[in-house]
Amino acid sequence: MNEAFEILLQASFWAAAIRIATPLIFATLGELICERAGVLNLGIEGIMAAGAFTGWFAVYSGFDLWTGVAIAALTGMAFGLLHGTLTVPLGLSQHVTGIGVTLLATSLTYYTYRLALPEVTSPPKIEPFQPVDIPGLSDLPFVGEVLFSQTPLTWLAFAMVLVVAIILYRTPLGLAVRAVGENPAAVEAQGISVTALRIGAVMAGSALMAVGGAFLTMSAFNSFFFEMINGRGWICIALVVFGSWRPGKALLGAILFAAFDAWQIRLQPLFGSAVPYQLFLMLPYVLSILALVAVARRATYPKALMIPYLKGER
């Protein structure tokens, strides 16, 4: 048992946790923005899959890595526009629409892959983002390996936490986004379009979700394969609640889940066949559920979340 807990003191363990957390950070921030504006986006799983494919395929087709990231973000915005149009001005069920977007995006992604690469038996590979060593900082004991030897997309994920927090809590735009998720009638009374604000928030949030998917194919791995999202989108929805709709807390939740996941991977060799591996696979989800239960009762959700708003209503 001592060996199991000694894993938690290893720099390589926490470096892996940060890598595993990166796509969760992007997608959780995206979902947080959507929900802060009053729109639940259950299309997150499919949007991440679409972003993973389009970013990877753009690089495979000859574009550079950052252009691939931009194309993934634009793909996410397109699906965000679809979801926002159906749920905001038309007032359709956010649950049903979100699941529909996930099914559409996932199926369209797999179909496009088969259409573009019909003769491929194994996923083609690209040259992904490489870890960036920062002179001086990367050589620091423990901290250097954990934080300063990551890929550029990981740094972008941490930067986006700060950017989203500043926008939400330090700018008029952020105030409007938070207000439209709490009291859209008050926002409309100020002459601001609730429809435009909500759709814009969903598009921005969906772009971040797609970049989270692109991280998997362009940084964590070097190819695209089916089912690679593997439920990460649904985890991010829970992480938004865990983080009480705040970027900083959502970041901690993503790292916590990633640490659980990295831990179970390292526990499997220690116990071998004595314990079924399925128990280790379920460990991060069980621990995350317990953590979610502990904080969910105190969470204050946006009051207008999932409530359609029609202009002129009070």
C-alpha atoms as a PDB file:
ATOM      1  CA  MET A   1       0.000   0.000   0.000  1.00  0.00           C
ATOM      2  CA  ASN A   2       2.925   2.333   0.667  1.00  0.00           C
ATOM      3  CA  GLU A   3       3.919   2.073  -2.985  1.00  0.00           C
ATOM      4  CA  ALA A   4       0.422   3.164  -4.022  1.00  0.00           C
ATOM      5  CA  PHE A   5       0.716   6.377  -2.046  1.00  0.00           C
ATOM      6  CA  GLU A   6       4.337   6.975  -2.990  1.00  0.00           C
ATOM      7  CA  ILE A   7       3.099   7.406  -6.553  1.00  0.00           C
ATOM      8  CA  LEU A   8       1.435  10.641  -5.452  1.00  0.00           C
ATOM      9  CA  LEU A   9       4.842  12.097  -4.588  1.00  0.00           C
ATOM     10  CA  GLN A  10       6.385  11.522  -8.010  1.00  0.00           C
ATOM     11  CA  ALA A  11       6.885  14.431 -10.405  1.00  0.00           C
ATOM     12  CA  SER A  12       6.127  12.192 -13.389  1.00  0.00           C
ATOM     13  CA  PHE A  13       2.722  11.405 -11.890  1.00  0.00           C
ATOM     14  CA  TRP A  14       1.716  15.062 -11.599  1.00  0.00           C
ATOM     15  CA  ALA A  15       3.145  15.855 -15.049  1.00  0.00           C
ATOM     16  CA  ALA A  16       0.877  13.144 -16.458  1.00  0.00           C
ATOM     17  CA  ALA A  17      -2.074  14.494 -14.465  1.00  0.00           C
ATOM     18  CA  ILE A  18      -1.571  17.942 -16.003  1.00  0.00           C
ATOM     19  CA  ARG A  19      -1.512  16.415 -19.504  1.00  0.00           C
ATOM     20  CA  ILE A  20      -4.672  14.406 -18.841  1.00  0.00           C
ATOM     21  CA  ALA A  21      -6.357  17.506 -17.403  1.00  0.00           C
ATOM     22  CA  THR A  22      -5.637  19.748 -20.405  1.00  0.00           C
ATOM     23  CA  PRO A  23      -8.559  18.702 -22.676  1.00  0.00           C
ATOM     24  CA  LEU A  24     -10.825  18.733 -19.625  1.00  0.00           C
ATOM     25  CA  ILE A  25      -9.793  22.313 -18.835  1.00  0.00           C
ATOM     26  CA  PHE A  26     -10.626  23.539 -22.345  1.00  0.00           C
ATOM     27  CA  ALA A  27     -13.979  21.749 -22.493  1.00  0.00           C
ATOM     28  CA  THR A  28     -14.990  22.613 -18.930  1.00  0.00           C
ATOM     29  CA  LEU A  29     -14.324  26.301 -19.578  1.00  0.00           C
ATOM     30  CA  GLY A  30     -16.421  26.058 -22.745  1.00  0.00           C
ATOM     31  CA  GLU A  31     -19.332  24.453 -20.932  1.00  0.00           C
ATOM     32  CA  LEU A  32     -18.997  26.975 -18.110  1.00  0.00           C
ATOM     33  CA  ILE A  33     -19.344  29.898 -20.524  1.00  0.00           C
ATOM     34  CA  CYS A  34     -22.445  28.345 -22.106  1.00  0.00           C
ATOM     35  CA  GLU A  35     -24.104  27.684 -18.761  1.00  0.00           C
ATOM     36  CA  ARG A  36     -23.187  31.103 -17.382  1.00  0.00           C
ATOM     37  CA  ALA A  37     -25.225  32.504 -20.271  1.00  0.00           C
ATOM     38  CA  GLY A  38     -28.149  30.224 -19.390  1.00  0.00           C
ATOM     39  CA  VAL A  39     -27.646  27.491 -22.025  1.00  0.00           C
ATOM     40  CA  LEU A  40     -26.849  23.870 -21.195  1.00  0.00           C
ATOM     41  CA  ASN A  41     -24.705  22.446 -23.997  1.00  0.00           C
ATOM     42  CA  LEU A  42     -24.944  18.655 -24.067  1.00  0.00           C
ATOM     43  CA  GLY A  43     -23.384  18.714 -27.516  1.00  0.00           C
ATOM     44  CA  ILE A  44     -19.977  18.836 -25.833  1.00  0.00           C
ATOM     45  CA  GLU A  45     -19.061  15.193 -26.471  1.00  0.00           C
ATOM     46  CA  GLY A  46     -19.735  15.431 -30.208  1.00  0.00           C
ATOM     47  CA  ILE A  47     -18.132  18.868 -30.513  1.00  0.00           C
ATOM     48  CA  MET A  48     -14.943  17.540 -28.925  1.00  0.00           C
ATOM     49  CA  ALA A  49     -14.925  14.641 -31.401  1.00  0.00           C
ATOM     50  CA  ALA A  50     -15.415  17.031 -34.324  1.00  0.00           C
ATOM     51  CA  GLY A  51     -12.629  19.296 -33.080  1.00  0.00           C
ATOM     52  CA  ALA A  52     -10.310  16.326 -32.620  1.00  0.00           C
ATOM     53  CA  PHE A  53     -10.868  15.204 -36.197  1.00  0.00           C
ATOM     54  CA  THR A  54     -10.852  18.541 -38.027  1.00  0.00           C
ATOM     55  CA  GLY A  55      -7.738  19.805 -36.253  1.00  0.00           C
ATOM     56  CA  TRP A  56      -5.872  16.570 -36.940  1.00  0.00           C
ATOM     57  CA  PHE A  57      -7.089  16.303 -40.531  1.00  0.00           C
ATOM     58  CA  ALA A  58      -6.095  19.900 -41.277  1.00  0.00           C
ATOM     59  CA  VAL A  59      -2.524  19.142 -40.172  1.00  0.00           C
ATOM     60  CA  TYR A  60      -2.565  15.827 -42.054  1.00  0.00           C
ATOM     61  CA  SER A  61      -3.634  17.783 -45.165  1.00  0.00           C
ATOM     62  CA  GLY A  62      -0.596  20.070 -44.934  1.00  0.00           C
ATOM     63  CA  PHE A  63      -1.568  22.946 -42.613  1.00  0.00           C
ATOM     64  CA  ASP A  64       0.570  23.861 -39.629  1.00  0.00           C
ATOM     65  CA  LEU A  65      -0.404  22.902 -36.086  1.00  0.00           C
ATOM     66  CA  TRP A  66      -1.773  26.281 -34.999  1.00  0.00           C
ATOM     67  CA  THR A  67      -3.899  26.514 -38.141  1.00  0.00           C
ATOM     68  CA  GLY A  68      -5.252  23.102 -37.211  1.00  0.00           C
ATOM     69  CA  VAL A  69      -6.180  24.434 -33.788  1.00  0.00           C
ATOM     70  CA  ALA A  70      -7.946  27.412 -35.400  1.00  0.00           C
ATOM     71  CA  ILE A  71      -9.875  25.128 -37.778  1.00  0.00           C
ATOM     72  CA  ALA A  72     -10.940  22.962 -34.830  1.00  0.00           C
ATOM     73  CA  ALA A  73     -12.175  26.085 -33.010  1.00  0.00           C
ATOM     74  CA  LEU A  74     -14.135  27.222 -36.088  1.00  0.00           C
ATOM     75  CA  THR A  75     -15.710  23.764 -36.301  1.00  0.00           C
ATOM     76  CA  GLY A  76     -16.791  24.057 -32.688  1.00  0.00           C
ATOM     77  CA  MET A  77     -18.247  27.500 -33.345  1.00  0.00           C
ATOM     78  CA  ALA A  78     -20.294  26.126 -36.245  1.00  0.00           C
ATOM     79  CA  PHE A  79     -21.878  23.459 -34.046  1.00  0.00           C
ATOM     80  CA  GLY A  80     -22.306  26.062 -31.311  1.00  0.00           C
ATOM     81  CA  LEU A  81     -24.187  28.274 -33.752  1.00  0.00           C
ATOM     82  CA  LEU A  82     -26.468  25.352 -34.610  1.00  0.00           C
ATOM     83  CA  HIS A  83     -27.124  24.530 -30.959  1.00  0.00           C
ATOM     84  CA  GLY A  84     -27.617  28.181 -30.021  1.00  0.00           C
ATOM     85  CA  THR A  85     -30.011  28.869 -32.898  1.00  0.00           C
ATOM     86  CA  LEU A  86     -32.203  25.911 -32.015  1.00  0.00           C
ATOM     87  CA  THR A  87     -32.301  26.560 -28.276  1.00  0.00           C
ATOM     88  CA  VAL A  88     -32.237  30.351 -27.914  1.00  0.00           C
ATOM     89  CA  PRO A  89     -34.517  32.058 -30.485  1.00  0.00           C
ATOM     90  CA  LEU A  90     -36.516  28.888 -31.226  1.00  0.00           C
ATOM     91  CA  GLY A  91     -36.683  27.804 -27.581  1.00  0.00           C
ATOM     92  CA  LEU A  92     -36.259  24.080 -28.235  1.00  0.00           C
ATOM     93  CA  SER A  93     -35.321  21.721 -25.413  1.00  0.00           C
ATOM     94  CA  GLN A  94     -31.673  22.220 -24.521  1.00  0.00           C
ATOM     95  CA  HIS A  95     -31.364  18.601 -23.399  1.00  0.00           C
ATOM     96  CA  VAL A  96     -32.758  17.088 -26.595  1.00  0.00           C
ATOM     97  CA  THR A  97     -30.954  19.545 -28.874  1.00  0.00           C
ATOM     98  CA  GLY A  98     -27.631  18.974 -27.141  1.00  0.00           C
ATOM     99  CA  ILE A  99     -27.871  15.209 -27.445  1.00  0.00           C
ATOM    100  CA  GLY A 100     -28.864  15.670 -31.088  1.00  0.00           C
ATOM    101  CA  VAL A 101     -25.798  17.841 -31.703  1.00  0.00           C
ATOM    102  CA  THR A 102     -23.590  15.200 -30.080  1.00  0.00           C
ATOM    103  CA  LEU A 103     -25.048  12.472 -32.299  1.00  0.00           C
ATOM    104  CA  LEU A 104     -24.800  14.669 -35.415  1.00  0.00           C
ATOM    105  CA  ALA A 105     -21.239  15.835 -34.761  1.00  0.00           C
ATOM    106  CA  THR A 106     -19.977  12.369 -33.856  1.00  0.00           C
ATOM    107  CA  SER A 107     -21.647  10.623 -36.786  1.00  0.00           C
ATOM    108  CA  LEU A 108     -20.596  13.337 -39.241  1.00  0.00           C
ATOM    109  CA  THR A 109     -17.024  13.101 -37.972  1.00  0.00           C
ATOM    110  CA  TYR A 110     -16.846   9.333 -38.398  1.00  0.00           C
ATOM    111  CA  TYR A 111     -18.513   9.508 -41.825  1.00  0.00           C
ATOM    112  CA  THR A 112     -16.100  12.200 -43.016  1.00  0.00           C
ATOM    113  CA  TYR A 113     -13.136  10.171 -41.778  1.00  0.00           C
ATOM    114  CA  ARG A 114     -14.281   7.126 -43.760  1.00  0.00           C
ATOM    115  CA  LEU A 115     -15.038   9.282 -46.797  1.00  0.00           C
ATOM    116  CA  ALA A 116     -11.683  11.067 -46.746  1.00  0.00           C
ATOM    117  CA  LEU A 117      -9.584   7.992 -45.931  1.00  0.00           C
ATOM    118  CA  PRO A 118     -11.462   5.015 -47.400  1.00  0.00           C
ATOM    119  CA  GLU A 119      -8.438   2.741 -47.876  1.00  0.00           C
ATOM    120  CA  VAL A 120      -6.774   3.405 -44.526  1.00  0.00           C
ATOM    121  CA  THR A 121      -6.497   0.410 -42.200  1.00  0.00           C
ATOM    122  CA  SER A 122      -4.635   2.177 -39.387  1.00  0.00           C
ATOM    123  CA  PRO A 123      -4.941   5.873 -38.431  1.00  0.00           C
ATOM    124  CA  PRO A 124      -2.357   8.055 -40.225  1.00  0.00           C
ATOM    125  CA  LYS A 125       0.040   9.925 -37.976  1.00  0.00           C
ATOM    126  CA  ILE A 126       1.037  13.591 -37.849  1.00  0.00           C
ATOM    127  CA  GLU A 127       3.852  15.430 -36.101  1.00  0.00           C
ATOM    128  CA  PRO A 128       2.112  16.734 -32.950  1.00  0.00           C
ATOM    129  CA  PHE A 129       2.989  19.585 -30.605  1.00  0.00           C
ATOM    130  CA  GLN A 130       6.170  18.810 -28.682  1.00  0.00           C
ATOM    131  CA  PRO A 131       6.882  19.607 -25.022  1.00  0.00           C
ATOM    132  CA  VAL A 132       8.557  22.973 -24.607  1.00  0.00           C
ATOM    133  CA  ASP A 133      11.434  23.135 -22.142  1.00  0.00           C
ATOM    134  CA  ILE A 134      11.814  26.579 -20.593  1.00  0.00           C
ATOM    135  CA  PRO A 135      15.500  27.291 -19.827  1.00  0.00           C
ATOM    136  CA  GLY A 136      16.074  27.564 -16.116  1.00  0.00           C
ATOM    137  CA  LEU A 137      12.518  26.742 -15.102  1.00  0.00           C
ATOM    138  CA  SER A 138      12.409  23.267 -16.692  1.00  0.00           C
ATOM    139  CA  ASP A 139      15.480  22.291 -14.674  1.00  0.00           C
ATOM    140  CA  LEU A 140      13.852  23.057 -11.330  1.00  0.00           C
ATOM    141  CA  PRO A 141      13.396  19.930  -9.205  1.00  0.00           C
ATOM    142  CA  PHE A 142       9.839  18.523  -9.246  1.00  0.00           C
ATOM    143  CA  VAL A 143       8.114  21.756 -10.348  1.00  0.00           C
ATOM    144  CA  GLY A 144      10.172  21.944 -13.540  1.00  0.00           C
ATOM    145  CA  GLU A 145       9.109  18.491 -14.716  1.00  0.00           C
ATOM    146  CA  VAL A 146       5.487  18.984 -13.678  1.00  0.00           C
ATOM    147  CA  LEU A 147       4.784  22.460 -15.052  1.00  0.00           C
ATOM    148  CA  PHE A 148       7.565  23.594 -17.355  1.00  0.00           C
ATOM    149  CA  SER A 149       7.926  20.655 -19.737  1.00  0.00           C
ATOM    150  CA  GLN A 150       4.434  20.657 -21.209  1.00  0.00           C
ATOM    151  CA  THR A 151       3.203  21.284 -24.755  1.00  0.00           C
ATOM    152  CA  PRO A 152       2.013  24.757 -25.897  1.00  0.00           C
ATOM    153  CA  LEU A 153      -1.656  23.703 -25.780  1.00  0.00           C
ATOM    154  CA  THR A 154      -1.349  22.949 -22.069  1.00  0.00           C
ATOM    155  CA  TRP A 155      -0.020  26.444 -21.513  1.00  0.00           C
ATOM    156  CA  LEU A 156      -2.860  27.803 -23.624  1.00  0.00           C
ATOM    157  CA  ALA A 157      -5.373  25.924 -21.451  1.00  0.00           C
ATOM    158  CA  PHE A 158      -4.018  27.510 -18.264  1.00  0.00           C
ATOM    159  CA  ALA A 159      -3.949  30.913 -19.955  1.00  0.00           C
ATOM    160  CA  MET A 160      -7.585  30.515 -20.993  1.00  0.00           C
ATOM    161  CA  VAL A 161      -8.588  29.959 -17.358  1.00  0.00           C
ATOM    162  CA  LEU A 162      -7.150  33.378 -16.542  1.00  0.00           C
ATOM    163  CA  VAL A 163      -8.652  34.988 -19.659  1.00  0.00           C
ATOM    164  CA  VAL A 164     -12.136  33.596 -19.018  1.00  0.00           C
ATOM    165  CA  ALA A 165     -11.997  34.625 -15.356  1.00  0.00           C
ATOM    166  CA  ILE A 166     -10.959  38.177 -16.246  1.00  0.00           C
ATOM    167  CA  ILE A 167     -13.629  38.496 -18.932  1.00  0.00           C
ATOM    168  CA  LEU A 168     -16.397  37.111 -16.727  1.00  0.00           C
ATOM    169  CA  TYR A 169     -15.576  39.130 -13.605  1.00  0.00           C
ATOM    170  CA  ARG A 170     -13.691  42.212 -14.791  1.00  0.00           C
ATOM    171  CA  THR A 171     -15.370  43.351 -18.020  1.00  0.00           C
ATOM    172  CA  PRO A 172     -18.806  44.673 -19.073  1.00  0.00           C
ATOM    173  CA  LEU A 173     -19.115  41.752 -21.486  1.00  0.00           C
ATOM    174  CA  GLY A 174     -18.601  39.260 -18.677  1.00  0.00           C
ATOM    175  CA  LEU A 175     -21.141  41.067 -16.528  1.00  0.00           C
ATOM    176  CA  ALA A 176     -23.660  40.867 -19.375  1.00  0.00           C
ATOM    177  CA  VAL A 177     -22.991  37.144 -19.865  1.00  0.00           C
ATOM    178  CA  ARG A 178     -23.482  36.425 -16.172  1.00  0.00           C
ATOM    179  CA  ALA A 179     -26.577  38.621 -16.052  1.00  0.00           C
ATOM    180  CA  VAL A 180     -28.205  36.912 -19.032  1.00  0.00           C
ATOM    181  CA  GLY A 181     -27.833  33.618 -17.177  1.00  0.00           C
ATOM    182  CA  GLU A 182     -29.448  35.057 -14.078  1.00  0.00           C
ATOM    183  CA  ASN A 183     -32.051  37.578 -15.264  1.00  0.00           C
ATOM    184  CA  PRO A 184     -32.347  37.930 -19.054  1.00  0.00           C
ATOM    185  CA  ALA A 185     -35.252  40.390 -18.715  1.00  0.00           C
ATOM    186  CA  ALA A 186     -32.955  42.847 -16.922  1.00  0.00           C
ATOM    187  CA  VAL A 187     -30.394  42.500 -19.715  1.00  0.00           C
ATOM    188  CA  GLU A 188     -33.030  43.180 -22.356  1.00  0.00           C
ATOM    189  CA  ALA A 189     -34.164  46.240 -20.401  1.00  0.00           C
ATOM    190  CA  GLN A 190     -30.652  47.646 -20.869  1.00  0.00           C
ATOM    191  CA  GLY A 191     -31.033  47.394 -24.645  1.00  0.00           C
ATOM    192  CA  ILE A 192     -28.781  44.344 -25.004  1.00  0.00           C
ATOM    193  CA  SER A 193     -29.886  41.470 -27.221  1.00  0.00           C
ATOM    194  CA  VAL A 194     -30.365  38.363 -25.088  1.00  0.00           C
ATOM    195  CA  THR A 195     -30.433  36.202 -28.226  1.00  0.00           C
ATOM    196  CA  ALA A 196     -27.136  37.528 -29.603  1.00  0.00           C
ATOM    197  CA  LEU A 197     -25.430  37.313 -26.226  1.00  0.00           C
ATOM    198  CA  ARG A 198     -26.493  33.748 -25.567  1.00  0.00           C
ATOM    199  CA  ILE A 199     -25.670  32.498 -29.063  1.00  0.00           C
ATOM    200  CA  GLY A 200     -22.300  34.252 -28.922  1.00  0.00           C
ATOM    201  CA  ALA A 201     -21.524  32.620 -25.575  1.00  0.00           C
ATOM    202  CA  VAL A 202     -22.486  29.178 -26.890  1.00  0.00           C
ATOM    203  CA  MET A 203     -20.288  29.665 -29.962  1.00  0.00           C
ATOM    204  CA  ALA A 204     -17.313  30.793 -27.877  1.00  0.00           C
ATOM    205  CA  GLY A 205     -17.794  27.942 -25.427  1.00  0.00           C
ATOM    206  CA  SER A 206     -18.123  25.394 -28.229  1.00  0.00           C
ATOM    207  CA  ALA A 207     -14.877  26.656 -29.780  1.00  0.00           C
ATOM    208  CA  LEU A 208     -13.060  25.863 -26.520  1.00  0.00           C
ATOM    209  CA  MET A 209     -14.670  22.418 -26.406  1.00  0.00           C
ATOM    210  CA  ALA A 210     -13.409  21.672 -29.919  1.00  0.00           C
ATOM    211  CA  VAL A 211      -9.887  22.812 -29.013  1.00  0.00           C
ATOM    212  CA  GLY A 212     -10.045  20.420 -26.066  1.00  0.00           C
ATOM    213  CA  GLY A 213     -10.767  17.630 -28.526  1.00  0.00           C
ATOM    214  CA  ALA A 214      -7.983  18.823 -30.818  1.00  0.00           C
ATOM    215  CA  PHE A 215      -5.499  18.517 -27.956  1.00  0.00           C
ATOM    216  CA  LEU A 216      -6.028  14.758 -27.983  1.00  0.00           C
ATOM    217  CA  THR A 217      -5.062  14.342 -31.651  1.00  0.00           C
ATOM    218  CA  MET A 218      -2.474  17.107 -31.903  1.00  0.00           C
ATOM    219  CA  SER A 219      -0.685  16.958 -28.559  1.00  0.00           C
ATOM    220  CA  ALA A 220      -1.549  13.933 -26.425  1.00  0.00           C
ATOM    221  CA  PHE A 221      -1.525  11.579 -29.438  1.00  0.00           C
ATOM    222  CA  ASN A 222      -0.592  11.969 -33.096  1.00  0.00           C
ATOM    223  CA  SER A 223      -3.602  10.431 -34.857  1.00  0.00           C
ATOM    224  CA  PHE A 224      -7.389  10.252 -34.780  1.00  0.00           C
ATOM    225  CA  PHE A 225      -9.322   7.156 -33.830  1.00  0.00           C
ATOM    226  CA  PHE A 226     -12.957   6.451 -33.057  1.00  0.00           C
ATOM    227  CA  GLU A 227     -14.216   6.767 -29.475  1.00  0.00           C
ATOM    228  CA  MET A 228     -11.128   8.693 -28.422  1.00  0.00           C
ATOM    229  CA  ILE A 229     -13.205  11.277 -26.517  1.00  0.00           C
ATOM    230  CA  ASN A 230     -14.365   8.407 -24.294  1.00  0.00           C
ATOM    231  CA  GLY A 231     -16.889  10.322 -22.180  1.00  0.00           C
ATOM    232  CA  ARG A 232     -14.643  13.283 -21.382  1.00  0.00           C
ATOM    233  CA  GLY A 233     -17.409  15.675 -22.428  1.00  0.00           C
ATOM    234  CA  TRP A 234     -19.841  14.285 -19.868  1.00  0.00           C
ATOM    235  CA  ILE A 235     -17.167  14.544 -17.176  1.00  0.00           C
ATOM    236  CA  CYS A 236     -16.716  18.229 -18.032  1.00  0.00           C
ATOM    237  CA  ILE A 237     -20.410  18.901 -17.437  1.00  0.00           C
ATOM    238  CA  ALA A 238     -19.988  17.492 -13.928  1.00  0.00           C
ATOM    239  CA  LEU A 239     -16.800  19.521 -13.445  1.00  0.00           C
ATOM    240  CA  VAL A 240     -18.719  22.746 -14.109  1.00  0.00           C
ATOM    241  CA  VAL A 241     -21.007  21.909 -11.191  1.00  0.00           C
ATOM    242  CA  PHE A 242     -18.024  20.827  -9.084  1.00  0.00           C
ATOM    243  CA  GLY A 243     -16.402  24.188  -9.799  1.00  0.00           C
ATOM    244  CA  SER A 244     -19.569  26.105  -8.888  1.00  0.00           C
ATOM    245  CA  TRP A 245     -19.491  27.771 -12.318  1.00  0.00           C
ATOM    246  CA  ARG A 246     -16.164  29.472 -11.517  1.00  0.00           C
ATOM    247  CA  PRO A 247     -13.107  29.067 -13.783  1.00  0.00           C
ATOM    248  CA  GLY A 248     -10.557  28.683 -10.974  1.00  0.00           C
ATOM    249  CA  LYS A 249     -12.490  25.987  -9.164  1.00  0.00           C
ATOM    250  CA  ALA A 250     -13.247  24.247 -12.454  1.00  0.00           C
ATOM    251  CA  LEU A 251      -9.472  24.116 -13.113  1.00  0.00           C
ATOM    252  CA  LEU A 252      -8.905  22.442  -9.755  1.00  0.00           C
ATOM    253  CA  GLY A 253     -11.702  19.966 -10.478  1.00  0.00           C
ATOM    254  CA  ALA A 254     -10.164  19.027 -13.841  1.00  0.00           C
ATOM    255  CA  ILE A 255      -6.748  18.459 -12.255  1.00  0.00           C
ATOM    256  CA  LEU A 256      -8.330  16.425  -9.447  1.00  0.00           C
ATOM    257  CA  PHE A 257     -10.123  14.109 -11.875  1.00  0.00           C
ATOM    258  CA  ALA A 258      -6.990  13.806 -14.016  1.00  0.00           C
ATOM    259  CA  ALA A 259      -4.956  12.899 -10.924  1.00  0.00           C
ATOM    260  CA  PHE A 260      -7.441  10.131 -10.087  1.00  0.00           C
ATOM    261  CA  ASP A 261      -7.149   8.871 -13.667  1.00  0.00           C
ATOM    262  CA  ALA A 262      -3.343   8.964 -13.690  1.00  0.00           C
ATOM    263  CA  TRP A 263      -3.298   7.193 -10.325  1.00  0.00           C
ATOM    264  CA  GLN A 264      -5.472   4.292 -11.454  1.00  0.00           C
ATOM    265  CA  ILE A 265      -3.225   3.737 -14.481  1.00  0.00           C
ATOM    266  CA  ARG A 266      -0.223   3.367 -12.182  1.00  0.00           C
ATOM    267  CA  LEU A 267      -2.076   1.226  -9.648  1.00  0.00           C
ATOM    268  CA  GLN A 268      -2.901  -1.505 -12.148  1.00  0.00           C
ATOM    269  CA  PRO A 269       0.675  -2.888 -12.452  1.00  0.00           C
ATOM    270  CA  LEU A 270       1.067  -2.868  -8.654  1.00  0.00           C
ATOM    271  CA  PHE A 271      -1.863  -5.188  -8.039  1.00  0.00           C
ATOM    272  CA  GLY A 272      -1.605  -7.192 -11.264  1.00  0.00           C
ATOM    273  CA  SER A 273      -4.357  -9.770 -11.768  1.00  0.00           C
ATOM    274  CA  ALA A 274      -5.258  -9.853  -8.077  1.00  0.00           C
ATOM    275  CA  VAL A 275      -7.774  -7.054  -8.637  1.00  0.00           C
ATOM    276  CA  PRO A 276      -9.928  -6.805 -11.800  1.00  0.00           C
ATOM    277  CA  TYR A 277      -8.691  -3.893 -13.933  1.00  0.00           C
ATOM    278  CA  GLN A 278     -12.284  -2.653 -14.309  1.00  0.00           C
ATOM    279  CA  LEU A 279     -12.188  -1.593 -10.660  1.00  0.00           C
ATOM    280  CA  PHE A 280      -9.242   0.663 -11.396  1.00  0.00           C
ATOM    281  CA  LEU A 281     -10.956   2.119 -14.475  1.00  0.00           C
ATOM    282  CA  MET A 282     -13.992   3.078 -12.402  1.00  0.00           C
ATOM    283  CA  LEU A 283     -11.887   4.574  -9.576  1.00  0.00           C
ATOM    284  CA  PRO A 284     -11.600   8.155 -10.940  1.00  0.00           C
ATOM    285  CA  TYR A 285     -15.323   8.260 -11.686  1.00  0.00           C
ATOM    286  CA  VAL A 286     -16.302   6.997  -8.224  1.00  0.00           C
ATOM    287  CA  LEU A 287     -13.986   9.449  -6.490  1.00  0.00           C
ATOM    288  CA  SER A 288     -15.244  12.271  -8.727  1.00  0.00           C
ATOM    289  CA  ILE A 289     -18.859  11.443  -7.892  1.00  0.00           C
ATOM    290  CA  LEU A 290     -18.047  11.547  -4.178  1.00  0.00           C
ATOM    291  CA  ALA A 291     -16.301  14.902  -4.599  1.00  0.00           C
ATOM    292  CA  LEU A 292     -19.219  16.209  -6.656  1.00  0.00           C
ATOM    293  CA  VAL A 293     -21.738  15.158  -4.016  1.00  0.00           C
ATOM    294  CA  ALA A 294     -19.677  16.923  -1.361  1.00  0.00           C
ATOM    295  CA  VAL A 295     -19.769  20.300  -3.132  1.00  0.00           C
ATOM    296  CA  ALA A 296     -22.952  20.189  -5.260  1.00  0.00           C
ATOM    297  CA  ARG A 297     -25.300  21.034  -2.400  1.00  0.00           C
ATOM    298  CA  ARG A 298     -23.501  24.317  -1.816  1.00  0.00           C
ATOM    299  CA  ALA A 299     -23.277  25.218  -5.508  1.00  0.00           C
ATOM    300  CA  THR A 300     -25.326  28.194  -6.703  1.00  0.00           C
ATOM    301  CA  TYR A 301     -26.326  27.626 -10.314  1.00  0.00           C
ATOM    302  CA  PRO A 302     -27.372  30.387 -12.779  1.00  0.00           C
ATOM    303  CA  LYS A 303     -31.075  31.015 -12.140  1.00  0.00           C
ATOM    304  CA  ALA A 304     -32.017  31.229 -15.836  1.00  0.00           C
ATOM    305  CA  LEU A 305     -30.106  28.077 -16.804  1.00  0.00           C
ATOM    306  CA  MET A 306     -32.134  25.951 -19.275  1.00  0.00           C
ATOM    307  CA  ILE A 307     -35.035  28.440 -19.193  1.00  0.00           C
ATOM    308  CA  PRO A 308     -35.957  29.719 -22.697  1.00  0.00           C
ATOM    309  CA  TYR A 309     -36.463  33.455 -23.012  1.00  0.00           C
ATOM    310  CA  LEU A 310     -38.609  35.204 -25.579  1.00  0.00           C
ATOM    311  CA  LYS A 311     -38.208  38.912 -26.210  1.00  0.00           C
ATOM    312  CA  GLY A 312     -40.727  40.976 -24.312  1.00  0.00           C
ATOM    313  CA  GLU A 313     -41.410  38.329 -21.649  1.00  0.00           C
ATOM    314  CA  ARG A 314     -41.286  39.246 -17.996  1.00  0.00           C
END
